[in-house]
N, C-alpha and C. Protein backbone atom coordinates (compact mmCIF):
# COMPACT_ATOMS: atom_id res chain seq x y z
N UNK A 1 -3.94 -160.53 -181.64
CA UNK A 1 -5.11 -160.43 -182.41
C UNK A 1 -5.56 -161.72 -183.52
N UNK A 2 -4.20 -162.67 -183.66
CA UNK A 2 -5.05 -164.13 -183.93
C UNK A 2 -5.37 -165.10 -182.49
N UNK A 3 -4.96 -164.70 -181.33
CA UNK A 3 -5.83 -165.50 -180.47
C UNK A 3 -7.07 -165.15 -180.71
N UNK A 4 -7.32 -163.47 -180.76
CA UNK A 4 -9.40 -162.77 -180.99
C UNK A 4 -9.61 -163.96 -181.67
N UNK A 5 -8.85 -164.00 -183.15
CA UNK A 5 -9.93 -164.23 -184.42
C UNK A 5 -9.76 -165.88 -184.22
N UNK A 6 -9.14 -166.49 -183.05
CA UNK A 6 -9.27 -168.40 -183.21
C UNK A 6 -10.39 -168.35 -181.81
N UNK A 7 -9.92 -167.29 -180.89
CA UNK A 7 -11.23 -168.19 -180.14
C UNK A 7 -12.89 -167.69 -180.64
N UNK A 8 -12.49 -166.38 -181.27
CA UNK A 8 -13.47 -166.15 -181.16
C UNK A 8 -14.68 -166.75 -182.53
N UNK A 9 -14.01 -167.25 -183.54
CA UNK A 9 -14.34 -168.07 -184.26
C UNK A 9 -15.02 -169.94 -184.05
N UNK A 10 -14.10 -169.42 -183.08
CA UNK A 10 -14.44 -171.07 -182.74
C UNK A 10 -15.75 -171.19 -181.75
N UNK A 11 -15.57 -169.46 -181.12
CA UNK A 11 -16.77 -169.37 -180.06
C UNK A 11 -18.65 -169.72 -181.25
N UNK A 12 -18.16 -168.85 -182.15
CA UNK A 12 -19.17 -168.68 -183.50
C UNK A 12 -19.57 -169.81 -184.43
N UNK A 13 -18.62 -170.82 -184.20
CA UNK A 13 -18.55 -171.71 -184.86
C UNK A 13 -19.46 -173.23 -183.76
N UNK A 14 -18.78 -172.99 -182.66
CA UNK A 14 -19.35 -173.41 -181.67
C UNK A 14 -20.80 -173.70 -181.33
N UNK A 15 -21.49 -171.81 -181.59
CA UNK A 15 -22.74 -171.87 -181.61
C UNK A 15 -23.74 -171.84 -182.76
N UNK A 16 -22.99 -171.73 -184.22
CA UNK A 16 -23.65 -172.03 -184.96
C UNK A 16 -23.67 -170.72 -185.57
N UNK A 17 -23.12 -169.07 -185.15
CA UNK A 17 -23.90 -167.96 -185.45
C UNK A 17 -22.72 -167.30 -186.33
N UNK A 18 -23.13 -167.01 -187.40
CA UNK A 18 -22.68 -166.19 -188.81
C UNK A 18 -21.31 -167.23 -188.62
N UNK A 19 -21.91 -168.50 -188.98
CA UNK A 19 -20.78 -169.88 -189.90
C UNK A 19 -20.08 -169.39 -190.61
N UNK A 20 -20.38 -168.75 -191.78
CA UNK A 20 -19.50 -168.12 -192.98
C UNK A 20 -18.12 -167.37 -192.28
N UNK A 21 -18.80 -166.59 -191.34
CA UNK A 21 -17.95 -165.81 -191.27
C UNK A 21 -16.57 -166.08 -189.58
N UNK A 22 -17.22 -167.14 -189.23
CA UNK A 22 -16.52 -167.81 -188.12
C UNK A 22 -16.21 -168.85 -189.06
N UNK A 23 -16.29 -169.40 -189.64
CA UNK A 23 -15.07 -169.73 -190.88
C UNK A 23 -13.95 -169.47 -192.08
N UNK A 24 -14.49 -168.15 -192.10
CA UNK A 24 -13.14 -167.41 -192.31
C UNK A 24 -12.47 -166.37 -191.55
N UNK A 25 -12.67 -166.78 -190.13
CA UNK A 25 -11.47 -166.36 -189.26
C UNK A 25 -10.66 -167.67 -188.97
N UNK A 26 -11.11 -169.24 -189.14
CA UNK A 26 -10.44 -169.71 -188.88
C UNK A 26 -9.72 -170.33 -189.78
N UNK A 27 -10.30 -169.80 -191.21
CA UNK A 27 -9.25 -170.20 -192.10
C UNK A 27 -8.47 -169.03 -192.45
N UNK A 28 -8.45 -167.81 -191.80
CA UNK A 28 -6.80 -167.54 -192.04
C UNK A 28 -6.53 -167.26 -190.71
N UNK A 29 -6.27 -167.55 -189.26
CA UNK A 29 -5.91 -168.13 -188.86
C UNK A 29 -4.60 -169.47 -188.93
N UNK A 30 -5.69 -170.63 -189.64
CA UNK A 30 -4.89 -171.91 -190.28
C UNK A 30 -4.21 -171.14 -191.00
N UNK A 31 -3.98 -170.70 -192.39
CA UNK A 31 -3.21 -170.32 -193.19
C UNK A 31 -2.48 -169.50 -192.65
N UNK A 32 -1.91 -168.83 -191.77
CA UNK A 32 -1.05 -167.87 -191.47
C UNK A 32 -0.12 -168.78 -190.09
N UNK A 33 -0.69 -169.99 -190.01
CA UNK A 33 -0.13 -171.04 -188.79
C UNK A 33 0.48 -171.91 -189.68
N UNK A 34 -0.45 -172.16 -190.67
CA UNK A 34 0.63 -173.17 -191.56
C UNK A 34 2.07 -172.33 -191.96
N UNK A 35 1.78 -170.77 -192.82
CA UNK A 35 2.79 -170.40 -193.07
C UNK A 35 4.14 -169.69 -191.90
N UNK A 36 3.29 -169.43 -191.19
CA UNK A 36 4.83 -169.14 -190.28
C UNK A 36 5.22 -170.34 -189.28
N UNK A 37 4.63 -171.35 -189.02
CA UNK A 37 5.49 -172.03 -188.17
C UNK A 37 5.65 -173.14 -188.55
N UNK A 38 5.21 -174.26 -189.39
CA UNK A 38 4.43 -175.69 -189.54
C UNK A 38 4.76 -175.75 -191.27
N UNK A 39 5.33 -174.87 -192.00
CA UNK A 39 5.56 -175.43 -193.45
C UNK A 39 7.53 -176.08 -193.23
N UNK A 40 7.72 -175.07 -193.08
CA UNK A 40 9.74 -175.76 -192.81
C UNK A 40 9.77 -176.96 -192.01
N UNK A 41 8.16 -177.71 -191.45
CA UNK A 41 8.54 -178.80 -191.10
C UNK A 41 7.91 -180.09 -191.89
N UNK A 42 7.47 -179.91 -192.70
CA UNK A 42 7.07 -180.83 -193.46
C UNK A 42 5.48 -180.72 -193.46
N UNK A 43 4.81 -181.68 -193.99
CA UNK A 43 3.62 -181.92 -193.41
C UNK A 43 3.34 -182.86 -192.60
N UNK A 44 3.87 -183.90 -191.70
CA UNK A 44 3.19 -184.85 -190.95
C UNK A 44 3.06 -184.12 -189.68
N UNK A 45 1.60 -184.43 -189.04
CA UNK A 45 2.22 -183.52 -187.46
C UNK A 45 3.22 -183.86 -186.66
N UNK A 46 2.80 -185.22 -187.08
CA UNK A 46 4.08 -186.07 -185.66
C UNK A 46 5.35 -185.41 -186.01
N UNK A 47 5.90 -184.66 -187.06
CA UNK A 47 7.24 -183.73 -186.82
C UNK A 47 6.83 -182.78 -186.70
N UNK A 48 5.44 -181.57 -186.37
CA UNK A 48 5.78 -180.45 -186.50
C UNK A 48 5.32 -180.10 -187.87
N UNK A 49 4.74 -180.95 -188.83
CA UNK A 49 4.41 -180.51 -189.69
C UNK A 49 2.62 -179.60 -189.53
N UNK A 50 2.13 -179.61 -191.50
CA UNK A 50 1.28 -178.72 -191.18
C UNK A 50 -0.02 -179.58 -191.27
N UNK A 51 -0.07 -180.89 -191.00
CA UNK A 51 -0.75 -181.62 -191.38
C UNK A 51 -1.97 -181.43 -190.26
N UNK A 52 -2.26 -181.05 -189.37
CA UNK A 52 -3.14 -180.46 -188.61
C UNK A 52 -4.36 -179.64 -188.92
N UNK A 53 -3.01 -178.29 -189.13
CA UNK A 53 -3.38 -177.39 -189.20
C UNK A 53 -4.80 -177.22 -190.60
N UNK A 54 -3.83 -178.03 -191.71
CA UNK A 54 -4.84 -178.15 -192.41
C UNK A 54 -5.68 -179.05 -192.57
N UNK A 55 -6.05 -179.98 -192.07
CA UNK A 55 -7.45 -180.58 -191.50
C UNK A 55 -8.33 -179.19 -190.73
N UNK A 56 -7.98 -178.62 -189.77
CA UNK A 56 -9.01 -177.72 -189.63
C UNK A 56 -9.63 -176.47 -190.31
N UNK A 57 -8.65 -176.42 -190.81
CA UNK A 57 -8.79 -175.05 -192.06
C UNK A 57 -9.85 -175.83 -193.30
N UNK A 58 -9.58 -177.42 -193.52
CA UNK A 58 -10.57 -177.53 -194.32
C UNK A 58 -11.58 -178.15 -194.45
N UNK A 59 -11.98 -178.25 -192.51
CA UNK A 59 -13.11 -178.76 -191.88
C UNK A 59 -14.20 -177.48 -191.66
N UNK A 60 -13.35 -176.02 -192.04
CA UNK A 60 -14.35 -175.36 -191.38
C UNK A 60 -15.34 -174.80 -192.21
N UNK A 61 -13.72 -175.25 -193.48
CA UNK A 61 -14.29 -174.64 -194.78
C UNK A 61 -15.28 -175.55 -195.50
N UNK A 62 -15.27 -176.60 -194.77
CA UNK A 62 -16.37 -177.58 -195.18
C UNK A 62 -17.79 -177.16 -194.59
N UNK A 63 -17.46 -176.43 -193.15
CA UNK A 63 -18.95 -176.27 -192.52
C UNK A 63 -19.35 -174.77 -193.26
N UNK A 64 -18.50 -174.12 -193.92
CA UNK A 64 -19.31 -173.36 -194.80
C UNK A 64 -19.96 -173.26 -195.46
N UNK A 65 -19.64 -174.35 -196.61
CA UNK A 65 -20.32 -175.16 -197.78
C UNK A 65 -21.63 -175.81 -196.65
N UNK A 66 -21.33 -176.26 -196.29
CA UNK A 66 -22.37 -176.74 -196.21
C UNK A 66 -23.93 -176.65 -194.58
N UNK A 67 -23.26 -175.28 -193.84
CA UNK A 67 -24.16 -174.98 -193.73
C UNK A 67 -24.21 -175.51 -191.97
N UNK A 68 -24.56 -174.79 -191.20
CA UNK A 68 -24.50 -175.00 -189.63
C UNK A 68 -25.08 -176.03 -188.63
N UNK A 69 -26.61 -176.45 -189.69
CA UNK A 69 -27.09 -177.31 -189.76
C UNK A 69 -28.47 -176.76 -188.60
N UNK A 70 -29.35 -177.36 -187.84
CA UNK A 70 -30.43 -177.36 -187.35
C UNK A 70 -30.57 -176.79 -186.17
N UNK A 71 -29.50 -177.59 -185.43
CA UNK A 71 -29.32 -177.02 -183.39
C UNK A 71 -28.73 -175.78 -183.13
N UNK A 72 -28.77 -174.65 -184.30
CA UNK A 72 -27.79 -173.71 -184.71
C UNK A 72 -28.60 -172.54 -183.86
N UNK A 73 -27.40 -171.80 -183.39
CA UNK A 73 -28.12 -170.31 -183.00
C UNK A 73 -28.87 -169.56 -185.17
N UNK A 74 -28.05 -169.74 -185.88
CA UNK A 74 -28.39 -169.24 -187.50
C UNK A 74 -29.83 -170.03 -187.57
N UNK A 75 -29.61 -171.51 -186.89
CA UNK A 75 -31.20 -171.87 -187.16
C UNK A 75 -32.52 -170.82 -186.83
N UNK A 76 -31.72 -171.13 -185.97
CA UNK A 76 -32.50 -170.35 -185.01
C UNK A 76 -33.55 -168.92 -185.54
N UNK A 77 -32.84 -168.34 -185.14
CA UNK A 77 -33.01 -166.76 -186.12
C UNK A 77 -33.30 -167.20 -187.72
N UNK A 78 -33.52 -167.94 -188.25
CA UNK A 78 -33.39 -167.56 -189.70
C UNK A 78 -32.49 -167.80 -190.80
N UNK A 79 -31.25 -167.81 -190.57
CA UNK A 79 -29.64 -167.58 -191.04
C UNK A 79 -29.33 -168.98 -191.67
N UNK A 80 -30.03 -169.82 -191.27
CA UNK A 80 -29.41 -171.22 -191.63
C UNK A 80 -29.07 -171.47 -193.57
N UNK A 81 -28.97 -170.25 -193.89
CA UNK A 81 -28.43 -170.79 -195.40
C UNK A 81 -26.70 -171.01 -195.62
N UNK A 82 -26.71 -171.64 -196.42
CA UNK A 82 -25.32 -172.22 -196.83
C UNK A 82 -25.69 -172.65 -198.40
N UNK A 83 -23.89 -172.78 -199.01
CA UNK A 83 -23.95 -173.79 -200.52
C UNK A 83 -22.96 -172.50 -200.74
N UNK A 84 -22.67 -172.44 -202.61
CA UNK A 84 -21.06 -172.37 -203.07
C UNK A 84 -20.99 -171.50 -202.83
N UNK A 85 -21.98 -170.40 -202.60
CA UNK A 85 -21.33 -168.95 -202.89
C UNK A 85 -20.79 -168.46 -201.09
N UNK A 86 -21.13 -168.92 -199.99
CA UNK A 86 -21.18 -168.33 -198.74
C UNK A 86 -20.11 -169.10 -198.39
N UNK A 87 -19.63 -170.58 -198.99
CA UNK A 87 -18.45 -171.84 -199.49
C UNK A 87 -17.16 -170.40 -200.04
N UNK A 88 -17.61 -170.32 -200.93
CA UNK A 88 -16.56 -169.41 -201.25
C UNK A 88 -15.60 -168.00 -201.09
N UNK A 89 -17.36 -167.77 -200.56
CA UNK A 89 -16.80 -166.48 -199.63
C UNK A 89 -16.68 -166.17 -198.60
N UNK A 90 -16.36 -167.30 -197.77
CA UNK A 90 -15.90 -167.77 -196.18
C UNK A 90 -14.15 -167.78 -196.54
N UNK A 91 -13.96 -168.98 -198.17
CA UNK A 91 -12.71 -169.20 -198.04
C UNK A 91 -12.05 -168.16 -198.58
N UNK A 92 -12.24 -167.15 -199.48
CA UNK A 92 -11.61 -165.72 -199.71
C UNK A 92 -11.41 -164.84 -198.94
N UNK A 93 -12.73 -164.72 -198.20
CA UNK A 93 -12.29 -163.68 -197.13
C UNK A 93 -10.86 -164.15 -195.92
N UNK A 94 -11.46 -165.49 -196.31
CA UNK A 94 -9.70 -166.24 -194.97
C UNK A 94 -9.08 -166.49 -195.38
N UNK A 95 -8.93 -166.59 -196.99
CA UNK A 95 -7.35 -166.30 -197.70
C UNK A 95 -7.13 -165.04 -197.29
N UNK A 96 -7.74 -164.19 -197.74
CA UNK A 96 -7.82 -162.78 -197.69
C UNK A 96 -7.33 -162.00 -196.65
N UNK A 97 -7.99 -162.82 -195.16
CA UNK A 97 -7.73 -162.51 -194.17
C UNK A 97 -5.66 -162.96 -193.49
N UNK A 98 -5.61 -163.99 -194.10
CA UNK A 98 -4.14 -164.49 -193.66
C UNK A 98 -3.38 -164.10 -194.41
N UNK A 99 -3.79 -163.32 -195.79
CA UNK A 99 -1.92 -163.06 -196.60
C UNK A 99 -2.32 -162.07 -196.17
N UNK A 100 -2.83 -161.01 -195.29
CA UNK A 100 -2.61 -160.11 -195.15
C UNK A 100 -1.11 -159.56 -194.18
N UNK A 101 -1.76 -160.67 -192.85
CA UNK A 101 -0.60 -160.58 -191.50
C UNK A 101 1.00 -161.27 -192.59
N UNK A 102 1.02 -161.86 -193.57
CA UNK A 102 1.67 -162.68 -193.99
C UNK A 102 3.08 -161.80 -194.93
N UNK A 103 1.90 -160.90 -195.46
CA UNK A 103 2.44 -159.65 -196.10
C UNK A 103 3.43 -158.96 -195.25
N UNK A 104 2.51 -158.43 -193.92
CA UNK A 104 3.18 -157.75 -193.24
C UNK A 104 4.69 -158.36 -192.49
N UNK A 105 4.54 -159.11 -192.31
CA UNK A 105 5.78 -160.42 -191.52
C UNK A 105 7.09 -159.23 -191.42
N UNK A 106 7.56 -158.66 -190.72
CA UNK A 106 8.84 -159.07 -190.66
C UNK A 106 9.68 -159.74 -190.92
N UNK A 107 11.48 -159.69 -191.69
CA UNK A 107 11.62 -160.47 -191.65
C UNK A 107 12.58 -160.71 -190.38
N UNK A 108 13.29 -161.99 -190.10
CA UNK A 108 13.84 -162.06 -188.48
C UNK A 108 15.02 -161.56 -188.86
N UNK A 109 15.48 -160.69 -187.78
CA UNK A 109 17.18 -159.59 -187.85
C UNK A 109 18.24 -160.53 -187.73
N UNK A 110 19.32 -160.43 -188.63
CA UNK A 110 20.18 -160.96 -189.02
C UNK A 110 21.12 -160.68 -188.34
N UNK A 111 22.20 -160.88 -187.99
CA UNK A 111 22.91 -160.84 -186.43
C UNK A 111 24.16 -160.54 -187.36
N UNK A 112 25.11 -159.65 -187.22
CA UNK A 112 26.08 -159.38 -187.79
C UNK A 112 27.51 -159.78 -186.81
N UNK A 113 28.37 -160.55 -187.21
CA UNK A 113 29.16 -160.53 -186.84
C UNK A 113 30.44 -159.47 -187.54
N UNK A 114 31.29 -159.27 -186.04
CA UNK A 114 32.71 -158.45 -186.50
C UNK A 114 33.91 -159.47 -186.58
N UNK A 115 34.53 -158.90 -187.60
CA UNK A 115 35.86 -159.54 -187.66
C UNK A 115 37.15 -158.21 -186.53
N UNK A 116 38.15 -159.37 -185.77
CA UNK A 116 38.77 -157.70 -185.94
C UNK A 116 40.40 -158.10 -186.53
N UNK A 117 40.86 -157.15 -187.42
CA UNK A 117 42.10 -157.47 -188.35
C UNK A 117 42.91 -156.74 -187.60
């Protein structure tokens, strides 16, 4: 599911189509990536940290505020609106979309060692 959200979000963002929804999808994917894989490695990306994922999430968040621009499909169909409401909406949906899989995550199974006495 994360692969579909990331691929779809990137494609929509590259085309400038439904930009707030694309931003929300990518924010949620980056949030999950940070907390599932990178946060335990610290901040810096050279150590496998969450720096790069944070930059990607913030960049898509900024695009939700700024809008897709004049060379986008949204502008072509007359939907090239931007602003505070769309940016905060994308952030809210992105956080919600990322929190749900993080809450549903099952902890890693623990191995029990048996002792022969």
